[in-house]
PDB file of N, CA and C in Angstrom:
ATOM      1  N   MET A   1     -11.238  22.000  10.351  1.00  0.00           N
ATOM      2  CA  MET A   1      -9.951  20.915   9.601  1.00  0.00           C
ATOM      3  C   MET A   1     -10.433  19.860   8.781  1.00  0.00           C
ATOM      4  N   PRO A   2     -10.386  20.287   7.662  1.00  0.00           N
ATOM      5  CA  PRO A   2     -10.680  19.643   6.763  1.00  0.00           C
ATOM      6  C   PRO A   2      -9.417  18.187   6.778  1.00  0.00           C
ATOM      7  N   ILE A   3      -9.967  16.729   6.923  1.00  0.00           N
ATOM      8  CA  ILE A   3      -8.917  15.643   6.794  1.00  0.00           C
ATOM      9  C   ILE A   3      -9.364  14.778   5.540  1.00  0.00           C
ATOM     10  N   ILE A   4      -8.397  14.678   4.363  1.00  0.00           N
ATOM     11  CA  ILE A   4      -8.375  13.999   3.502  1.00  0.00           C
ATOM     12  C   ILE A   4      -7.614  12.957   3.962  1.00  0.00           C
ATOM     13  N   HIS A   5      -8.234  11.312   3.392  1.00  0.00           N
ATOM     14  CA  HIS A   5      -7.832  10.389   3.584  1.00  0.00           C
ATOM     15  C   HIS A   5      -7.698   9.760   2.208  1.00  0.00           C
ATOM     16  N   VAL A   6      -6.454   9.143   1.097  1.00  0.00           N
ATOM     17  CA  VAL A   6      -5.961   8.805   0.374  1.00  0.00           C
ATOM     18  C   VAL A   6      -5.958   6.962   0.310  1.00  0.00           C
ATOM     19  N   HIS A   7      -5.823   6.549  -0.402  1.00  0.00           N
ATOM     20  CA  HIS A   7      -5.654   5.206  -0.583  1.00  0.00           C
ATOM     21  C   HIS A   7      -4.598   4.754  -1.459  1.00  0.00           C
ATOM     22  N   VAL A   8      -3.944   4.457  -1.907  1.00  0.00           N
ATOM     23  CA  VAL A   8      -3.165   4.515  -3.105  1.00  0.00           C
ATOM     24  C   VAL A   8      -1.814   2.279  -2.942  1.00  0.00           C
ATOM     25  N   ILE A   9      -2.628   2.720  -4.349  1.00  0.00           N
ATOM     26  CA  ILE A   9      -1.827   1.350  -4.167  1.00  0.00           C
ATOM     27  C   ILE A   9       0.286   1.210  -4.729  1.00  0.00           C
ATOM     28  N   GLU A  10       0.654   0.772  -3.361  1.00  0.00           N
ATOM     29  CA  GLU A  10       1.703   1.485  -3.354  1.00  0.00           C
ATOM     30  C   GLU A  10       3.189   1.390  -4.384  1.00  0.00           C
ATOM     31  N   GLY A  11       4.362   1.683  -4.498  1.00  0.00           N
ATOM     32  CA  GLY A  11       5.019   1.739  -4.611  1.00  0.00           C
ATOM     33  C   GLY A  11       5.753   2.972  -6.096  1.00  0.00           C
ATOM     34  N   ARG A  12       4.706   4.181  -5.494  1.00  0.00           N
ATOM     35  CA  ARG A  12       4.809   5.424  -5.823  1.00  0.00           C
ATOM     36  C   ARG A  12       6.341   5.921  -4.915  1.00  0.00           C
ATOM     37  N   THR A  13       6.978   6.944  -5.820  1.00  0.00           N
ATOM     38  CA  THR A  13       7.922   7.458  -4.964  1.00  0.00           C
ATOM     39  C   THR A  13       7.545   8.553  -4.201  1.00  0.00           C
ATOM     40  N   GLU A  14       8.755   9.212  -3.177  1.00  0.00           N
ATOM     41  CA  GLU A  14       8.643  10.226  -2.252  1.00  0.00           C
ATOM     42  C   GLU A  14       8.173  11.369  -2.991  1.00  0.00           C
ATOM     43  N   GLU A  15       8.387  11.466  -4.620  1.00  0.00           N
ATOM     44  CA  GLU A  15       8.521  12.793  -4.394  1.00  0.00           C
ATOM     45  C   GLU A  15       7.146  12.497  -4.796  1.00  0.00           C
ATOM     46  N   GLN A  16       6.228  12.265  -5.509  1.00  0.00           N
ATOM     47  CA  GLN A  16       4.733  11.830  -6.206  1.00  0.00           C
ATOM     48  C   GLN A  16       3.781  11.642  -4.606  1.00  0.00           C
ATOM     49  N   LEU A  17       4.528  10.671  -3.807  1.00  0.00           N
ATOM     50  CA  LEU A  17       3.344  11.505  -2.388  1.00  0.00           C
ATOM     51  C   LEU A  17       3.543  12.640  -1.755  1.00  0.00           C
ATOM     52  N   ARG A  18       4.776  13.981  -1.932  1.00  0.00           N
ATOM     53  CA  ARG A  18       4.843  14.703  -1.322  1.00  0.00           C
ATOM     54  C   ARG A  18       3.890  15.659  -2.599  1.00  0.00           C
ATOM     55  N   ASN A  19       3.869  15.606  -3.519  1.00  0.00           N
ATOM     56  CA  ASN A  19       3.086  16.353  -4.826  1.00  0.00           C
ATOM     57  C   ASN A  19       1.700  16.433  -4.640  1.00  0.00           C
ATOM     58  N   LEU A  20       1.041  14.777  -4.777  1.00  0.00           N
ATOM     59  CA  LEU A  20       0.291  14.463  -4.005  1.00  0.00           C
ATOM     60  C   LEU A  20      -0.631  15.922  -3.028  1.00  0.00           C
ATOM     61  N   MET A  21       0.302  15.426  -1.717  1.00  0.00           N
ATOM     62  CA  MET A  21      -0.069  15.979  -1.156  1.00  0.00           C
ATOM     63  C   MET A  21      -0.829  17.662  -0.563  1.00  0.00           C
ATOM     64  N   GLU A  22       0.650  18.366  -1.314  1.00  0.00           N
ATOM     65  CA  GLU A  22       0.792  19.500  -1.608  1.00  0.00           C
ATOM     66  C   GLU A  22      -0.360  19.908  -2.614  1.00  0.00           C
ATOM     67  N   SER A  23      -0.757  18.981  -3.547  1.00  0.00           N
ATOM     68  CA  SER A  23      -1.855  19.206  -4.987  1.00  0.00           C
ATOM     69  C   SER A  23      -3.534  19.581  -3.941  1.00  0.00           C
ATOM     70  N   LEU A  24      -3.765  18.372  -3.068  1.00  0.00           N
ATOM     71  CA  LEU A  24      -4.684  17.633  -2.437  1.00  0.00           C
ATOM     72  C   LEU A  24      -4.794  18.631  -1.576  1.00  0.00           C
ATOM     73  N   THR A  25      -3.888  19.426  -0.818  1.00  0.00           N
ATOM     74  CA  THR A  25      -3.650  20.679   0.057  1.00  0.00           C
ATOM     75  C   THR A  25      -4.451  22.309  -0.023  1.00  0.00           C
ATOM     76  N   ASN A  26      -3.553  22.797  -1.485  1.00  0.00           N
ATOM     77  CA  ASN A  26      -4.428  24.262  -2.280  1.00  0.00           C
ATOM     78  C   ASN A  26      -5.568  23.617  -2.815  1.00  0.00           C
ATOM     79  N   ALA A  27      -6.100  22.348  -2.844  1.00  0.00           N
ATOM     80  CA  ALA A  27      -7.638  22.690  -3.846  1.00  0.00           C
ATOM     81  C   ALA A  27      -8.820  22.924  -2.350  1.00  0.00           C
ATOM     82  N   ALA A  28      -7.934  21.675  -1.235  1.00  0.00           N
ATOM     83  CA  ALA A  28      -9.200  21.856  -0.063  1.00  0.00           C
ATOM     84  C   ALA A  28      -8.903  22.856   0.432  1.00  0.00           C
ATOM     85  N   ALA A  29      -7.499  23.919   0.225  1.00  0.00           N
ATOM     86  CA  ALA A  29      -7.762  25.426   1.214  1.00  0.00           C
ATOM     87  C   ALA A  29      -8.488  26.489   0.377  1.00  0.00           C
ATOM     88  N   GLU A  30      -8.325  26.461  -0.610  1.00  0.00           N
ATOM     89  CA  GLU A  30      -9.372  26.451  -1.634  1.00  0.00           C
ATOM     90  C   GLU A  30     -10.182  27.048  -1.714  1.00  0.00           C
ATOM     91  N   SER A  31     -10.446  25.706  -2.268  1.00  0.00           N
ATOM     92  CA  SER A  31     -12.005  24.907  -2.255  1.00  0.00           C
ATOM     93  C   SER A  31     -13.313  25.749  -1.025  1.00  0.00           C
ATOM     94  N   LEU A  32     -12.531  24.865   0.355  1.00  0.00           N
ATOM     95  CA  LEU A  32     -13.156  25.384   1.373  1.00  0.00           C
ATOM     96  C   LEU A  32     -12.776  26.787   2.351  1.00  0.00           C
ATOM     97  N   GLU A  33     -11.780  27.172   1.006  1.00  0.00           N
ATOM     98  CA  GLU A  33     -11.782  28.323   2.221  1.00  0.00           C
ATOM     99  C   GLU A  33     -11.132  28.709   3.475  1.00  0.00           C
ATOM    100  N   VAL A  34     -10.421  27.616   3.887  1.00  0.00           N
ATOM    101  CA  VAL A  34      -9.359  27.406   4.855  1.00  0.00           C
ATOM    102  C   VAL A  34      -7.997  27.633   4.663  1.00  0.00           C
ATOM    103  N   LYS A  35      -7.319  28.099   6.176  1.00  0.00           N
ATOM    104  CA  LYS A  35      -5.771  27.991   5.040  1.00  0.00           C
ATOM    105  C   LYS A  35      -5.077  27.162   5.143  1.00  0.00           C
ATOM    106  N   LYS A  36      -3.820  26.553   4.522  1.00  0.00           N
ATOM    107  CA  LYS A  36      -3.150  25.126   4.494  1.00  0.00           C
ATOM    108  C   LYS A  36      -2.879  24.743   5.713  1.00  0.00           C
ATOM    109  N   GLU A  37      -2.909  25.676   7.084  1.00  0.00           N
ATOM    110  CA  GLU A  37      -2.196  25.300   7.783  1.00  0.00           C
ATOM    111  C   GLU A  37      -3.111  24.149   8.846  1.00  0.00           C
ATOM    112  N   GLN A  38      -4.138  23.936   8.003  1.00  0.00           N
ATOM    113  CA  GLN A  38      -5.776  23.436   8.231  1.00  0.00           C
ATOM    114  C   GLN A  38      -6.399  22.347   8.469  1.00  0.00           C
ATOM    115  N   VAL A  39      -5.115  22.303   6.968  1.00  0.00           N
ATOM    116  CA  VAL A  39      -5.689  20.526   5.997  1.00  0.00           C
ATOM    117  C   VAL A  39      -4.783  19.323   6.343  1.00  0.00           C
ATOM    118  N   ARG A  40      -5.336  18.650   6.492  1.00  0.00           N
ATOM    119  CA  ARG A  40      -4.396  16.991   6.807  1.00  0.00           C
ATOM    120  C   ARG A  40      -5.050  16.081   5.854  1.00  0.00           C
ATOM    121  N   VAL A  41      -3.328  15.985   5.672  1.00  0.00           N
ATOM    122  CA  VAL A  41      -4.065  14.741   4.143  1.00  0.00           C
ATOM    123  C   VAL A  41      -2.767  13.432   4.753  1.00  0.00           C
ATOM    124  N   LEU A  42      -3.583  12.519   4.858  1.00  0.00           N
ATOM    125  CA  LEU A  42      -3.146  10.934   5.250  1.00  0.00           C
ATOM    126  C   LEU A  42      -3.615  10.011   4.459  1.00  0.00           C
ATOM    127  N   ILE A  43      -2.010   9.406   3.551  1.00  0.00           N
ATOM    128  CA  ILE A  43      -1.367   8.428   2.415  1.00  0.00           C
ATOM    129  C   ILE A  43      -1.925   7.114   3.228  1.00  0.00           C
ATOM    130  N   GLN A  44      -1.839   6.272   2.705  1.00  0.00           N
ATOM    131  CA  GLN A  44      -2.227   5.184   3.184  1.00  0.00           C
ATOM    132  C   GLN A  44      -1.731   4.048   1.808  1.00  0.00           C
ATOM    133  N   GLU A  45      -1.218   3.451   1.658  1.00  0.00           N
ATOM    134  CA  GLU A  45       0.006   2.634   0.447  1.00  0.00           C
ATOM    135  C   GLU A  45      -1.000   1.405   0.899  1.00  0.00           C
ATOM    136  N   VAL A  46      -1.268   0.449  -0.275  1.00  0.00           N
ATOM    137  CA  VAL A  46      -1.334  -0.830  -0.446  1.00  0.00           C
ATOM    138  C   VAL A  46      -1.144  -1.715  -0.828  1.00  0.00           C
ATOM    139  N   PRO A  47      -0.618  -2.135  -0.570  1.00  0.00           N
ATOM    140  CA  PRO A  47       0.008  -3.617  -1.419  1.00  0.00           C
ATOM    141  C   PRO A  47      -0.584  -4.612  -2.573  1.00  0.00           C
ATOM    142  N   ASN A  48      -0.127  -4.996  -3.462  1.00  0.00           N
ATOM    143  CA  ASN A  48      -0.902  -4.689  -4.698  1.00  0.00           C
ATOM    144  C   ASN A  48      -1.922  -5.811  -4.641  1.00  0.00           C
ATOM    145  N   LYS A  49      -1.288  -7.468  -4.159  1.00  0.00           N
ATOM    146  CA  LYS A  49      -2.249  -8.361  -3.631  1.00  0.00           C
ATOM    147  C   LYS A  49      -3.623  -8.148  -2.626  1.00  0.00           C
ATOM    148  N   HIS A  50      -3.120  -6.391  -1.936  1.00  0.00           N
ATOM    149  CA  HIS A  50      -4.306  -6.202  -1.174  1.00  0.00           C
ATOM    150  C   HIS A  50      -5.306  -5.118  -1.855  1.00  0.00           C
ATOM    151  N   TRP A  51      -5.081  -5.106  -3.146  1.00  0.00           N
ATOM    152  CA  TRP A  51      -5.823  -4.356  -4.017  1.00  0.00           C
ATOM    153  C   TRP A  51      -6.632  -5.027  -5.116  1.00  0.00           C
ATOM    154  N   GLY A  52      -7.502  -5.112  -4.329  1.00  0.00           N
ATOM    155  CA  GLY A  52      -9.028  -5.642  -5.876  1.00  0.00           C
ATOM    156  C   GLY A  52      -9.504  -4.674  -6.856  1.00  0.00           C
ATOM    157  N   VAL A  53      -9.268  -5.902  -7.953  1.00  0.00           N
ATOM    158  CA  VAL A  53     -10.332  -5.003  -9.264  1.00  0.00           C
ATOM    159  C   VAL A  53     -11.063  -5.687  -9.911  1.00  0.00           C
ATOM    160  N   GLY A  54     -12.330  -5.739 -10.095  1.00  0.00           N
ATOM    161  CA  GLY A  54     -12.506  -7.316 -10.953  1.00  0.00           C
ATOM    162  C   GLY A  54     -12.822  -8.098 -10.345  1.00  0.00           C
ATOM    163  N   GLY A  55     -12.894  -7.846  -8.868  1.00  0.00           N
ATOM    164  CA  GLY A  55     -13.103  -9.211  -8.407  1.00  0.00           C
ATOM    165  C   GLY A  55     -11.673  -9.928  -7.886  1.00  0.00           C
ATOM    166  N   LYS A  56     -10.389  -9.470  -8.306  1.00  0.00           N
ATOM    167  CA  LYS A  56      -9.114 -10.345  -8.335  1.00  0.00           C
ATOM    168  C   LYS A  56      -8.557  -9.463  -8.354  1.00  0.00           C
ATOM    169  N   PRO A  57      -6.873  -9.956  -7.255  1.00  0.00           N
ATOM    170  CA  PRO A  57      -5.803  -9.089  -6.538  1.00  0.00           C
ATOM    171  C   PRO A  57      -5.466  -7.780  -7.585  1.00  0.00           C
ATOM    172  N   LYS A  58      -4.756  -7.212  -8.080  1.00  0.00           N
ATOM    173  CA  LYS A  58      -4.044  -6.110  -8.691  1.00  0.00           C
ATOM    174  C   LYS A  58      -2.551  -6.534  -8.837  1.00  0.00           C
ATOM    175  N   LYS A  59      -2.028  -6.519  -9.918  1.00  0.00           N
ATOM    176  CA  LYS A  59      -0.781  -7.522  -9.489  1.00  0.00           C
ATOM    177  C   LYS A  59       0.478  -6.444 -11.134  1.00  0.00           C
TER     178      LYS A  59
END
């Protein structure tokens, strides 16, 4: 069972997150030749202040 774990900066809409889950599921199922039902996608939203870019918090 493939498990895909994605970290994103918080603030995406529910629709954007659903679209991401669907796209990742389809890509994994096709490339790994498994059923979509076997794919798990975990999305973890991270606050801007906890996301560093170039040594500084993303704002």
